[in-house]
Amino acid sequence: MNEGTSLHAEVTKLGFINDVYVGNSLLNLYAATGNMALCGEMPLRDIVSWTVVISGFNEAGSFDDALIAFERMRSEGIMPNQVTAMNALAACAGFGSLDIGVWIHEHVKRSA
């Protein structure tokens, strides 16, 4: 992970941290190692960013954090796509949140 940390420092130093694609790549790198610290630092997030965050929390078994991230995503006006919905449903199953799971299912049905 030292290489990832060095890459993050270099990206920040060069001013690329505000690029959503670069941020998503770093976020994916951190999520793959179970380190979700970057998710709060990203100034710009898109549906890919949120999906990586939700998936990363699921992989770490932090289903409550995954659902909190899902709610934050929605509060920022970003609606889930099918991949995001699938990851959010997995968090619902892990956390035992039937109500949110039903809402996600209904949203996916309406969007299809």
PDB file of N, CA and C in Angstrom:
ATOM      1  N   MET A   1       0.818  -1.198   0.000  1.00  0.00           N
ATOM      2  CA  MET A   1       0.000   0.000   0.000  1.00  0.00           C
ATOM      3  C   MET A   1       0.857   1.254   0.000  1.00  0.00           C
ATOM      4  N   ASN A   2       2.141   1.126   0.310  1.00  0.00           N
ATOM      5  CA  ASN A   2       3.021   2.290   0.286  1.00  0.00           C
ATOM      6  C   ASN A   2       3.031   2.960  -1.077  1.00  0.00           C
ATOM      7  N   GLU A   3       2.993   2.145  -2.145  1.00  0.00           N
ATOM      8  CA  GLU A   3       2.966   2.714  -3.489  1.00  0.00           C
ATOM      9  C   GLU A   3       1.679   3.499  -3.714  1.00  0.00           C
ATOM     10  N   GLY A   4       0.571   2.972  -3.216  1.00  0.00           N
ATOM     11  CA  GLY A   4      -0.704   3.671  -3.341  1.00  0.00           C
ATOM     12  C   GLY A   4      -0.702   4.987  -2.592  1.00  0.00           C
ATOM     13  N   THR A   5      -0.131   4.990  -1.397  1.00  0.00           N
ATOM     14  CA  THR A   5      -0.039   6.214  -0.607  1.00  0.00           C
ATOM     15  C   THR A   5       0.843   7.232  -1.305  1.00  0.00           C
ATOM     16  N   SER A   6       1.947   6.765  -1.874  1.00  0.00           N
ATOM     17  CA  SER A   6       2.838   7.657  -2.623  1.00  0.00           C
ATOM     18  C   SER A   6       2.129   8.237  -3.840  1.00  0.00           C
ATOM     19  N   LEU A   7       1.377   7.394  -4.533  1.00  0.00           N
ATOM     20  CA  LEU A   7       0.620   7.849  -5.698  1.00  0.00           C
ATOM     21  C   LEU A   7      -0.414   8.896  -5.289  1.00  0.00           C
ATOM     22  N   HIS A   8      -1.098   8.650  -4.196  1.00  0.00           N
ATOM     23  CA  HIS A   8      -2.091   9.601  -3.692  1.00  0.00           C
ATOM     24  C   HIS A   8      -1.428  10.942  -3.389  1.00  0.00           C
ATOM     25  N   ALA A   9      -0.286  10.915  -2.722  1.00  0.00           N
ATOM     26  CA  ALA A   9       0.428  12.149  -2.389  1.00  0.00           C
ATOM     27  C   ALA A   9       0.834  12.902  -3.652  1.00  0.00           C
ATOM     28  N   GLU A  10       1.309  12.176  -4.641  1.00  0.00           N
ATOM     29  CA  GLU A  10       1.737  12.802  -5.898  1.00  0.00           C
ATOM     30  C   GLU A  10       0.545  13.412  -6.643  1.00  0.00           C
ATOM     31  N   VAL A  11      -0.555  12.688  -6.683  1.00  0.00           N
ATOM     32  CA  VAL A  11      -1.772  13.187  -7.341  1.00  0.00           C
ATOM     33  C   VAL A  11      -2.254  14.463  -6.651  1.00  0.00           C
ATOM     34  N   THR A  12      -2.222  14.471  -5.336  1.00  0.00           N
ATOM     35  CA  THR A  12      -2.640  15.648  -4.576  1.00  0.00           C
ATOM     36  C   THR A  12      -1.704  16.815  -4.851  1.00  0.00           C
ATOM     37  N   LYS A  13      -0.404  16.544  -4.830  1.00  0.00           N
ATOM     38  CA  LYS A  13       0.602  17.580  -5.066  1.00  0.00           C
ATOM     39  C   LYS A  13       0.438  18.212  -6.449  1.00  0.00           C
ATOM     40  N   LEU A  14       0.117  17.400  -7.441  1.00  0.00           N
ATOM     41  CA  LEU A  14      -0.024  17.892  -8.812  1.00  0.00           C
ATOM     42  C   LEU A  14      -1.395  18.525  -9.082  1.00  0.00           C
ATOM     43  N   GLY A  15      -2.299  18.445  -8.106  1.00  0.00           N
ATOM     44  CA  GLY A  15      -3.601  19.077  -8.244  1.00  0.00           C
ATOM     45  C   GLY A  15      -4.641  18.264  -8.988  1.00  0.00           C
ATOM     46  N   PHE A  16      -4.381  16.972  -9.178  1.00  0.00           N
ATOM     47  CA  PHE A  16      -5.328  16.128  -9.905  1.00  0.00           C
ATOM     48  C   PHE A  16      -6.394  15.498  -9.009  1.00  0.00           C
ATOM     49  N   ILE A  17      -6.328  15.748  -7.715  1.00  0.00           N
ATOM     50  CA  ILE A  17      -7.276  15.131  -6.795  1.00  0.00           C
ATOM     51  C   ILE A  17      -8.709  15.605  -7.070  1.00  0.00           C
ATOM     52  N   ASN A  18      -8.857  16.767  -7.702  1.00  0.00           N
ATOM     53  CA  ASN A  18     -10.186  17.281  -8.017  1.00  0.00           C
ATOM     54  C   ASN A  18     -10.774  16.689  -9.289  1.00  0.00           C
ATOM     55  N   ASP A  19     -10.009  15.863  -9.996  1.00  0.00           N
ATOM     56  CA  ASP A  19     -10.521  15.178 -11.180  1.00  0.00           C
ATOM     57  C   ASP A  19     -11.277  13.936 -10.717  1.00  0.00           C
ATOM     58  N   VAL A  20     -12.560  13.848 -11.063  1.00  0.00           N
ATOM     59  CA  VAL A  20     -13.400  12.760 -10.555  1.00  0.00           C
ATOM     60  C   VAL A  20     -12.887  11.396 -11.008  1.00  0.00           C
ATOM     61  N   TYR A  21     -12.318  11.309 -12.202  1.00  0.00           N
ATOM     62  CA  TYR A  21     -11.820  10.024 -12.692  1.00  0.00           C
ATOM     63  C   TYR A  21     -10.578   9.579 -11.919  1.00  0.00           C
ATOM     64  N   VAL A  22      -9.703  10.526 -11.630  1.00  0.00           N
ATOM     65  CA  VAL A  22      -8.514  10.218 -10.830  1.00  0.00           C
ATOM     66  C   VAL A  22      -8.939   9.849  -9.412  1.00  0.00           C
ATOM     67  N   GLY A  23      -9.866  10.623  -8.860  1.00  0.00           N
ATOM     68  CA  GLY A  23     -10.371  10.335  -7.518  1.00  0.00           C
ATOM     69  C   GLY A  23     -11.010   8.961  -7.427  1.00  0.00           C
ATOM     70  N   ASN A  24     -11.784   8.593  -8.451  1.00  0.00           N
ATOM     71  CA  ASN A  24     -12.414   7.268  -8.462  1.00  0.00           C
ATOM     72  C   ASN A  24     -11.374   6.160  -8.502  1.00  0.00           C
ATOM     73  N   SER A  25     -10.308   6.377  -9.260  1.00  0.00           N
ATOM     74  CA  SER A  25      -9.243   5.369  -9.329  1.00  0.00           C
ATOM     75  C   SER A  25      -8.565   5.203  -7.977  1.00  0.00           C
ATOM     76  N   LEU A  26      -8.282   6.322  -7.312  1.00  0.00           N
ATOM     77  CA  LEU A  26      -7.687   6.244  -5.974  1.00  0.00           C
ATOM     78  C   LEU A  26      -8.650   5.596  -4.987  1.00  0.00           C
ATOM     79  N   LEU A  27      -9.904   5.969  -5.076  1.00  0.00           N
ATOM     80  CA  LEU A  27     -10.916   5.397  -4.193  1.00  0.00           C
ATOM     81  C   LEU A  27     -10.989   3.888  -4.364  1.00  0.00           C
ATOM     82  N   ASN A  28     -10.953   3.430  -5.601  1.00  0.00           N
ATOM     83  CA  ASN A  28     -10.974   1.996  -5.883  1.00  0.00           C
ATOM     84  C   ASN A  28      -9.733   1.312  -5.314  1.00  0.00           C
ATOM     85  N   LEU A  29      -8.584   1.959  -5.430  1.00  0.00           N
ATOM     86  CA  LEU A  29      -7.342   1.420  -4.869  1.00  0.00           C
ATOM     87  C   LEU A  29      -7.464   1.250  -3.354  1.00  0.00           C
ATOM     88  N   TYR A  30      -7.942   2.285  -2.687  1.00  0.00           N
ATOM     89  CA  TYR A  30      -8.090   2.214  -1.235  1.00  0.00           C
ATOM     90  C   TYR A  30      -9.155   1.197  -0.824  1.00  0.00           C
ATOM     91  N   ALA A  31     -10.277   1.178  -1.540  1.00  0.00           N
ATOM     92  CA  ALA A  31     -11.354   0.239  -1.208  1.00  0.00           C
ATOM     93  C   ALA A  31     -10.883  -1.200  -1.337  1.00  0.00           C
ATOM     94  N   ALA A  32     -10.041  -1.473  -2.325  1.00  0.00           N
ATOM     95  CA  ALA A  32      -9.533  -2.832  -2.534  1.00  0.00           C
ATOM     96  C   ALA A  32      -8.686  -3.306  -1.362  1.00  0.00           C
ATOM     97  N   THR A  33      -8.129  -2.367  -0.608  1.00  0.00           N
ATOM     98  CA  THR A  33      -7.316  -2.733   0.551  1.00  0.00           C
ATOM     99  C   THR A  33      -8.090  -2.582   1.865  1.00  0.00           C
ATOM    100  N   GLY A  34      -9.381  -2.237   1.756  1.00  0.00           N
ATOM    101  CA  GLY A  34     -10.197  -2.097   2.955  1.00  0.00           C
ATOM    102  C   GLY A  34     -10.067  -0.760   3.645  1.00  0.00           C
ATOM    103  N   ASN A  35      -9.363   0.182   3.036  1.00  0.00           N
ATOM    104  CA  ASN A  35      -9.164   1.500   3.628  1.00  0.00           C
ATOM    105  C   ASN A  35     -10.136   2.479   2.979  1.00  0.00           C
ATOM    106  N   MET A  36     -11.164   2.854   3.697  1.00  0.00           N
ATOM    107  CA  MET A  36     -12.200   3.714   3.137  1.00  0.00           C
ATOM    108  C   MET A  36     -12.031   5.179   3.541  1.00  0.00           C
ATOM    109  N   ALA A  37     -10.849   5.546   4.026  1.00  0.00           N
ATOM    110  CA  ALA A  37     -10.622   6.903   4.514  1.00  0.00           C
ATOM    111  C   ALA A  37     -10.802   7.959   3.426  1.00  0.00           C
ATOM    112  N   LEU A  38     -10.449   7.647   2.202  1.00  0.00           N
ATOM    113  CA  LEU A  38     -10.512   8.635   1.127  1.00  0.00           C
ATOM    114  C   LEU A  38     -11.939   9.045   0.790  1.00  0.00           C
ATOM    115  N   CYS A  39     -12.912   8.208   1.093  1.00  0.00           N
ATOM    116  CA  CYS A  39     -14.287   8.504   0.659  1.00  0.00           C
ATOM    117  C   CYS A  39     -14.792   9.828   1.215  1.00  0.00           C
ATOM    118  N   GLY A  40     -14.328  10.245   2.356  1.00  0.00           N
ATOM    119  CA  GLY A  40     -14.747  11.528   2.908  1.00  0.00           C
ATOM    120  C   GLY A  40     -13.970  12.707   2.367  1.00  0.00           C
ATOM    121  N   GLU A  41     -12.835  12.437   1.718  1.00  0.00           N
ATOM    122  CA  GLU A  41     -11.976  13.503   1.220  1.00  0.00           C
ATOM    123  C   GLU A  41     -12.271  13.924  -0.213  1.00  0.00           C
ATOM    124  N   MET A  42     -12.960  13.085  -0.969  1.00  0.00           N
ATOM    125  CA  MET A  42     -13.184  13.394  -2.382  1.00  0.00           C
ATOM    126  C   MET A  42     -14.115  14.587  -2.536  1.00  0.00           C
ATOM    127  N   PRO A  43     -13.634  15.665  -3.166  1.00  0.00           N
ATOM    128  CA  PRO A  43     -14.489  16.836  -3.329  1.00  0.00           C
ATOM    129  C   PRO A  43     -15.593  16.636  -4.369  1.00  0.00           C
ATOM    130  N   LEU A  44     -15.326  15.848  -5.395  1.00  0.00           N
ATOM    131  CA  LEU A  44     -16.300  15.583  -6.453  1.00  0.00           C
ATOM    132  C   LEU A  44     -16.594  14.097  -6.505  1.00  0.00           C
ATOM    133  N   ARG A  45     -17.891  13.757  -6.487  1.00  0.00           N
ATOM    134  CA  ARG A  45     -18.279  12.345  -6.544  1.00  0.00           C
ATOM    135  C   ARG A  45     -19.352  12.174  -7.605  1.00  0.00           C
ATOM    136  N   ASP A  46     -19.265  11.066  -8.322  1.00  0.00           N
ATOM    137  CA  ASP A  46     -20.311  10.713  -9.272  1.00  0.00           C
ATOM    138  C   ASP A  46     -20.858   9.343  -8.888  1.00  0.00           C
ATOM    139  N   ILE A  47     -21.687   8.772  -9.722  1.00  0.00           N
ATOM    140  CA  ILE A  47     -22.297   7.481  -9.407  1.00  0.00           C
ATOM    141  C   ILE A  47     -21.243   6.393  -9.241  1.00  0.00           C
ATOM    142  N   VAL A  48     -20.155   6.477 -10.011  1.00  0.00           N
ATOM    143  CA  VAL A  48     -19.075   5.491  -9.881  1.00  0.00           C
ATOM    144  C   VAL A  48     -18.429   5.610  -8.508  1.00  0.00           C
ATOM    145  N   SER A  49     -18.167   6.835  -8.076  1.00  0.00           N
ATOM    146  CA  SER A  49     -17.567   7.057  -6.752  1.00  0.00           C
ATOM    147  C   SER A  49     -18.408   6.415  -5.659  1.00  0.00           C
ATOM    148  N   TRP A  50     -19.699   6.710  -5.685  1.00  0.00           N
ATOM    149  CA  TRP A  50     -20.590   6.187  -4.650  1.00  0.00           C
ATOM    150  C   TRP A  50     -20.689   4.670  -4.711  1.00  0.00           C
ATOM    151  N   THR A  51     -20.696   4.119  -5.912  1.00  0.00           N
ATOM    152  CA  THR A  51     -20.771   2.663  -6.035  1.00  0.00           C
ATOM    153  C   THR A  51     -19.528   2.009  -5.455  1.00  0.00           C
ATOM    154  N   VAL A  52     -18.357   2.596  -5.709  1.00  0.00           N
ATOM    155  CA  VAL A  52     -17.111   2.068  -5.139  1.00  0.00           C
ATOM    156  C   VAL A  52     -17.152   2.151  -3.616  1.00  0.00           C
ATOM    157  N   VAL A  53     -17.636   3.260  -3.088  1.00  0.00           N
ATOM    158  CA  VAL A  53     -17.718   3.431  -1.630  1.00  0.00           C
ATOM    159  C   VAL A  53     -18.653   2.390  -1.016  1.00  0.00           C
ATOM    160  N   ILE A  54     -19.848   2.254  -1.580  1.00  0.00           N
ATOM    161  CA  ILE A  54     -20.824   1.299  -1.041  1.00  0.00           C
ATOM    162  C   ILE A  54     -20.286  -0.121  -1.129  1.00  0.00           C
ATOM    163  N   SER A  55     -19.701  -0.463  -2.263  1.00  0.00           N
ATOM    164  CA  SER A  55     -19.120  -1.796  -2.447  1.00  0.00           C
ATOM    165  C   SER A  55     -17.965  -2.038  -1.476  1.00  0.00           C
ATOM    166  N   GLY A  56     -17.124  -1.025  -1.289  1.00  0.00           N
ATOM    167  CA  GLY A  56     -15.996  -1.154  -0.363  1.00  0.00           C
ATOM    168  C   GLY A  56     -16.443  -1.402   1.067  1.00  0.00           C
ATOM    169  N   PHE A  57     -17.458  -0.666   1.502  1.00  0.00           N
ATOM    170  CA  PHE A  57     -17.992  -0.896   2.844  1.00  0.00           C
ATOM    171  C   PHE A  57     -18.593  -2.294   2.962  1.00  0.00           C
ATOM    172  N   ASN A  58     -19.277  -2.746   1.907  1.00  0.00           N
ATOM    173  CA  ASN A  58     -19.822  -4.111   1.927  1.00  0.00           C
ATOM    174  C   ASN A  58     -18.715  -5.139   2.080  1.00  0.00           C
ATOM    175  N   GLU A  59     -17.651  -4.978   1.305  1.00  0.00           N
ATOM    176  CA  GLU A  59     -16.530  -5.928   1.361  1.00  0.00           C
ATOM    177  C   GLU A  59     -15.914  -5.974   2.753  1.00  0.00           C
ATOM    178  N   ALA A  60     -15.919  -4.827   3.434  1.00  0.00           N
ATOM    179  CA  ALA A  60     -15.361  -4.754   4.789  1.00  0.00           C
ATOM    180  C   ALA A  60     -16.358  -5.223   5.849  1.00  0.00           C
ATOM    181  N   GLY A  61     -17.588  -5.548   5.430  1.00  0.00           N
ATOM    182  CA  GLY A  61     -18.611  -5.961   6.385  1.00  0.00           C
ATOM    183  C   GLY A  61     -19.246  -4.806   7.132  1.00  0.00           C
ATOM    184  N   SER A  62     -19.002  -3.587   6.664  1.00  0.00           N
ATOM    185  CA  SER A  62     -19.562  -2.386   7.302  1.00  0.00           C
ATOM    186  C   SER A  62     -20.856  -1.991   6.597  1.00  0.00           C
ATOM    187  N   PHE A  63     -21.865  -2.850   6.752  1.00  0.00           N
ATOM    188  CA  PHE A  63     -23.118  -2.655   6.027  1.00  0.00           C
ATOM    189  C   PHE A  63     -23.826  -1.369   6.433  1.00  0.00           C
ATOM    190  N   ASP A  64     -23.717  -1.002   7.710  1.00  0.00           N
ATOM    191  CA  ASP A  64     -24.338   0.249   8.150  1.00  0.00           C
ATOM    192  C   ASP A  64     -23.699   1.442   7.459  1.00  0.00           C
ATOM    193  N   ASP A  65     -22.359   1.429   7.323  1.00  0.00           N
ATOM    194  CA  ASP A  65     -21.671   2.512   6.620  1.00  0.00           C
ATOM    195  C   ASP A  65     -22.044   2.529   5.139  1.00  0.00           C
ATOM    196  N   ALA A  66     -22.243   1.353   4.553  1.00  0.00           N
ATOM    197  CA  ALA A  66     -22.664   1.278   3.150  1.00  0.00           C
ATOM    198  C   ALA A  66     -24.024   1.944   2.973  1.00  0.00           C
ATOM    199  N   LEU A  67     -24.942   1.694   3.898  1.00  0.00           N
ATOM    200  CA  LEU A  67     -26.273   2.298   3.801  1.00  0.00           C
ATOM    201  C   LEU A  67     -26.240   3.796   4.087  1.00  0.00           C
ATOM    202  N   ILE A  68     -25.368   4.213   4.987  1.00  0.00           N
ATOM    203  CA  ILE A  68     -25.194   5.651   5.235  1.00  0.00           C
ATOM    204  C   ILE A  68     -24.671   6.324   3.972  1.00  0.00           C
ATOM    205  N   ALA A  69     -23.698   5.691   3.315  1.00  0.00           N
ATOM    206  CA  ALA A  69     -23.165   6.235   2.057  1.00  0.00           C
ATOM    207  C   ALA A  69     -24.264   6.305   0.996  1.00  0.00           C
ATOM    208  N   PHE A  70     -25.096   5.276   0.935  1.00  0.00           N
ATOM    209  CA  PHE A  70     -26.200   5.261  -0.023  1.00  0.00           C
ATOM    210  C   PHE A  70     -27.145   6.436   0.224  1.00  0.00           C
ATOM    211  N   GLU A  71     -27.473   6.685   1.476  1.00  0.00           N
ATOM    212  CA  GLU A  71     -28.356   7.804   1.817  1.00  0.00           C
ATOM    213  C   GLU A  71     -27.700   9.144   1.501  1.00  0.00           C
ATOM    214  N   ARG A  72     -26.394   9.262   1.769  1.00  0.00           N
ATOM    215  CA  ARG A  72     -25.678  10.504   1.435  1.00  0.00           C
ATOM    216  C   ARG A  72     -25.704  10.737  -0.069  1.00  0.00           C
ATOM    217  N   MET A  73     -25.504   9.670  -0.842  1.00  0.00           N
ATOM    218  CA  MET A  73     -25.542   9.759  -2.294  1.00  0.00           C
ATOM    219  C   MET A  73     -26.897  10.312  -2.736  1.00  0.00           C
ATOM    220  N   ARG A  74     -27.963   9.744  -2.205  1.00  0.00           N
ATOM    221  CA  ARG A  74     -29.320  10.192  -2.560  1.00  0.00           C
ATOM    222  C   ARG A  74     -29.549  11.636  -2.127  1.00  0.00           C
ATOM    223  N   SER A  75     -29.033  12.013  -0.954  1.00  0.00           N
ATOM    224  CA  SER A  75     -29.229  13.385  -0.473  1.00  0.00           C
ATOM    225  C   SER A  75     -28.482  14.398  -1.336  1.00  0.00           C
ATOM    226  N   GLU A  76     -27.443  13.935  -2.040  1.00  0.00           N
ATOM    227  CA  GLU A  76     -26.718  14.809  -2.970  1.00  0.00           C
ATOM    228  C   GLU A  76     -27.368  14.822  -4.353  1.00  0.00           C
ATOM    229  N   GLY A  77     -28.512  14.147  -4.480  1.00  0.00           N
ATOM    230  CA  GLY A  77     -29.246  14.173  -5.733  1.00  0.00           C
ATOM    231  C   GLY A  77     -28.797  13.159  -6.765  1.00  0.00           C
ATOM    232  N   ILE A  78     -27.962  12.215  -6.372  1.00  0.00           N
ATOM    233  CA  ILE A  78     -27.496  11.178  -7.293  1.00  0.00           C
ATOM    234  C   ILE A  78     -28.348   9.934  -7.063  1.00  0.00           C
ATOM    235  N   MET A  79     -29.032   9.519  -8.104  1.00  0.00           N
ATOM    236  CA  MET A  79     -29.894   8.344  -8.013  1.00  0.00           C
ATOM    237  C   MET A  79     -29.102   7.096  -8.390  1.00  0.00           C
ATOM    238  N   PRO A  80     -29.400   5.978  -7.751  1.00  0.00           N
ATOM    239  CA  PRO A  80     -28.631   4.750  -7.999  1.00  0.00           C
ATOM    240  C   PRO A  80     -28.884   4.182  -9.391  1.00  0.00           C
ATOM    241  N   ASN A  81     -27.809   3.657  -9.989  1.00  0.00           N
ATOM    242  CA  ASN A  81     -27.982   2.865 -11.204  1.00  0.00           C
ATOM    243  C   ASN A  81     -28.131   1.406 -10.776  1.00  0.00           C
ATOM    244  N   GLN A  82     -28.177   0.489 -11.719  1.00  0.00           N
ATOM    245  CA  GLN A  82     -28.407  -0.913 -11.369  1.00  0.00           C
ATOM    246  C   GLN A  82     -27.264  -1.506 -10.551  1.00  0.00           C
ATOM    247  N   VAL A  83     -26.033  -1.113 -10.851  1.00  0.00           N
ATOM    248  CA  VAL A  83     -24.885  -1.649 -10.105  1.00  0.00           C
ATOM    249  C   VAL A  83     -24.898  -1.111  -8.679  1.00  0.00           C
ATOM    250  N   THR A  84     -25.172   0.174  -8.534  1.00  0.00           N
ATOM    251  CA  THR A  84     -25.254   0.769  -7.201  1.00  0.00           C
ATOM    252  C   THR A  84     -26.385   0.128  -6.403  1.00  0.00           C
ATOM    253  N   ALA A  85     -27.523  -0.057  -7.056  1.00  0.00           N
ATOM    254  CA  ALA A  85     -28.674  -0.670  -6.388  1.00  0.00           C
ATOM    255  C   ALA A  85     -28.346  -2.076  -5.916  1.00  0.00           C
ATOM    256  N   MET A  86     -27.648  -2.845  -6.748  1.00  0.00           N
ATOM    257  CA  MET A  86     -27.273  -4.207  -6.365  1.00  0.00           C
ATOM    258  C   MET A  86     -26.392  -4.191  -5.111  1.00  0.00           C
ATOM    259  N   ASN A  87     -25.427  -3.266  -5.069  1.00  0.00           N
ATOM    260  CA  ASN A  87     -24.554  -3.164  -3.901  1.00  0.00           C
ATOM    261  C   ASN A  87     -25.314  -2.673  -2.675  1.00  0.00           C
ATOM    262  N   ALA A  88     -26.244  -1.754  -2.877  1.00  0.00           N
ATOM    263  CA  ALA A  88     -27.048  -1.273  -1.750  1.00  0.00           C
ATOM    264  C   ALA A  88     -27.964  -2.374  -1.223  1.00  0.00           C
ATOM    265  N   LEU A  89     -28.515  -3.189  -2.131  1.00  0.00           N
ATOM    266  CA  LEU A  89     -29.342  -4.318  -1.688  1.00  0.00           C
ATOM    267  C   LEU A  89     -28.521  -5.322  -0.885  1.00  0.00           C
ATOM    268  N   ALA A  90     -27.274  -5.535  -1.294  1.00  0.00           N
ATOM    269  CA  ALA A  90     -26.391  -6.430  -0.529  1.00  0.00           C
ATOM    270  C   ALA A  90     -26.166  -5.870   0.875  1.00  0.00           C
ATOM    271  N   ALA A  91     -26.014  -4.545   0.975  1.00  0.00           N
ATOM    272  CA  ALA A  91     -25.850  -3.917   2.293  1.00  0.00           C
ATOM    273  C   ALA A  91     -27.121  -4.078   3.123  1.00  0.00           C
ATOM    274  N   CYS A  92     -28.273  -3.933   2.477  1.00  0.00           N
ATOM    275  CA  CYS A  92     -29.551  -4.125   3.180  1.00  0.00           C
ATOM    276  C   CYS A  92     -29.652  -5.537   3.740  1.00  0.00           C
ATOM    277  N   ALA A  93     -29.258  -6.510   2.932  1.00  0.00           N
ATOM    278  CA  ALA A  93     -29.301  -7.908   3.381  1.00  0.00           C
ATOM    279  C   ALA A  93     -28.358  -8.118   4.554  1.00  0.00           C
ATOM    280  N   GLY A  94     -27.155  -7.563   4.461  1.00  0.00           N
ATOM    281  CA  GLY A  94     -26.172  -7.725   5.530  1.00  0.00           C
ATOM    282  C   GLY A  94     -26.585  -7.037   6.815  1.00  0.00           C
ATOM    283  N   PHE A  95     -27.240  -5.896   6.676  1.00  0.00           N
ATOM    284  CA  PHE A  95     -27.629  -5.102   7.840  1.00  0.00           C
ATOM    285  C   PHE A  95     -29.024  -5.461   8.343  1.00  0.00           C
ATOM    286  N   GLY A  96     -29.811  -6.114   7.497  1.00  0.00           N
ATOM    287  CA  GLY A  96     -31.170  -6.482   7.880  1.00  0.00           C
ATOM    288  C   GLY A  96     -32.155  -5.337   7.745  1.00  0.00           C
ATOM    289  N   SER A  97     -31.945  -4.476   6.764  1.00  0.00           N
ATOM    290  CA  SER A  97     -32.807  -3.313   6.572  1.00  0.00           C
ATOM    291  C   SER A  97     -33.790  -3.558   5.433  1.00  0.00           C
ATOM    292  N   LEU A  98     -34.911  -4.164   5.763  1.00  0.00           N
ATOM    293  CA  LEU A  98     -35.916  -4.516   4.766  1.00  0.00           C
ATOM    294  C   LEU A  98     -36.543  -3.281   4.119  1.00  0.00           C
ATOM    295  N   ASP A  99     -36.829  -2.241   4.896  1.00  0.00           N
ATOM    296  CA  ASP A  99     -37.493  -1.049   4.354  1.00  0.00           C
ATOM    297  C   ASP A  99     -36.688  -0.406   3.229  1.00  0.00           C
ATOM    298  N   ILE A 100     -35.399  -0.192   3.457  1.00  0.00           N
ATOM    299  CA  ILE A 100     -34.562   0.405   2.415  1.00  0.00           C
ATOM    300  C   ILE A 100     -34.451  -0.550   1.233  1.00  0.00           C
ATOM    301  N   GLY A 101     -34.351  -1.832   1.506  1.00  0.00           N
ATOM    302  CA  GLY A 101     -34.288  -2.826   0.436  1.00  0.00           C
ATOM    303  C   GLY A 101     -35.518  -2.795  -0.455  1.00  0.00           C
ATOM    304  N   VAL A 102     -36.689  -2.643   0.146  1.00  0.00           N
ATOM    305  CA  VAL A 102     -37.933  -2.554  -0.627  1.00  0.00           C
ATOM    306  C   VAL A 102     -37.931  -1.284  -1.479  1.00  0.00           C
ATOM    307  N   TRP A 103     -37.481  -0.154  -0.905  1.00  0.00           N
ATOM    308  CA  TRP A 103     -37.420   1.093  -1.667  1.00  0.00           C
ATOM    309  C   TRP A 103     -36.506   0.942  -2.873  1.00  0.00           C
ATOM    310  N   ILE A 104     -35.325   0.366  -2.671  1.00  0.00           N
ATOM    311  CA  ILE A 104     -34.373   0.178  -3.770  1.00  0.00           C
ATOM    312  C   ILE A 104     -34.984  -0.714  -4.845  1.00  0.00           C
ATOM    313  N   HIS A 105     -35.612  -1.786  -4.433  1.00  0.00           N
ATOM    314  CA  HIS A 105     -36.246  -2.699  -5.386  1.00  0.00           C
ATOM    315  C   HIS A 105     -37.310  -1.970  -6.209  1.00  0.00           C
ATOM    316  N   GLU A 106     -38.136  -1.173  -5.551  1.00  0.00           N
ATOM    317  CA  GLU A 106     -39.175  -0.414  -6.259  1.00  0.00           C
ATOM    318  C   GLU A 106     -38.557   0.590  -7.229  1.00  0.00           C
ATOM    319  N   HIS A 107     -37.484   1.250  -6.801  1.00  0.00           N
ATOM    320  CA  HIS A 107     -36.802   2.216  -7.669  1.00  0.00           C
ATOM    321  C   HIS A 107     -36.264   1.534  -8.925  1.00  0.00           C
ATOM    322  N   VAL A 108     -35.648   0.383  -8.755  1.00  0.00           N
ATOM    323  CA  VAL A 108     -35.090  -0.351  -9.891  1.00  0.00           C
ATOM    324  C   VAL A 108     -36.208  -0.768 -10.842  1.00  0.00           C
ATOM    325  N   LYS A 109     -37.330  -1.213 -10.297  1.00  0.00           N
ATOM    326  CA  LYS A 109     -38.469  -1.605 -11.142  1.00  0.00           C
ATOM    327  C   LYS A 109     -39.003  -0.416 -11.944  1.00  0.00           C
ATOM    328  N   ARG A 110     -39.093   0.744 -11.297  1.00  0.00           N
ATOM    329  CA  ARG A 110     -39.597   1.942 -11.984  1.00  0.00           C
ATOM    330  C   ARG A 110     -38.618   2.436 -13.040  1.00  0.00           C
ATOM    331  N   SER A 111     -37.327   2.282 -12.788  1.00  0.00           N
ATOM    332  CA  SER A 111     -36.300   2.792 -13.698  1.00  0.00           C
ATOM    333  C   SER A 111     -36.053   1.889 -14.896  1.00  0.00           C
ATOM    334  N   ALA A 112     -36.479   0.638 -14.808  1.00  0.00           N
ATOM    335  CA  ALA A 112     -36.185  -0.324 -15.884  1.00  0.00           C
ATOM    336  C   ALA A 112     -37.023  -0.093 -17.113  1.00  0.00           C
TER     337      ALA A 112
END
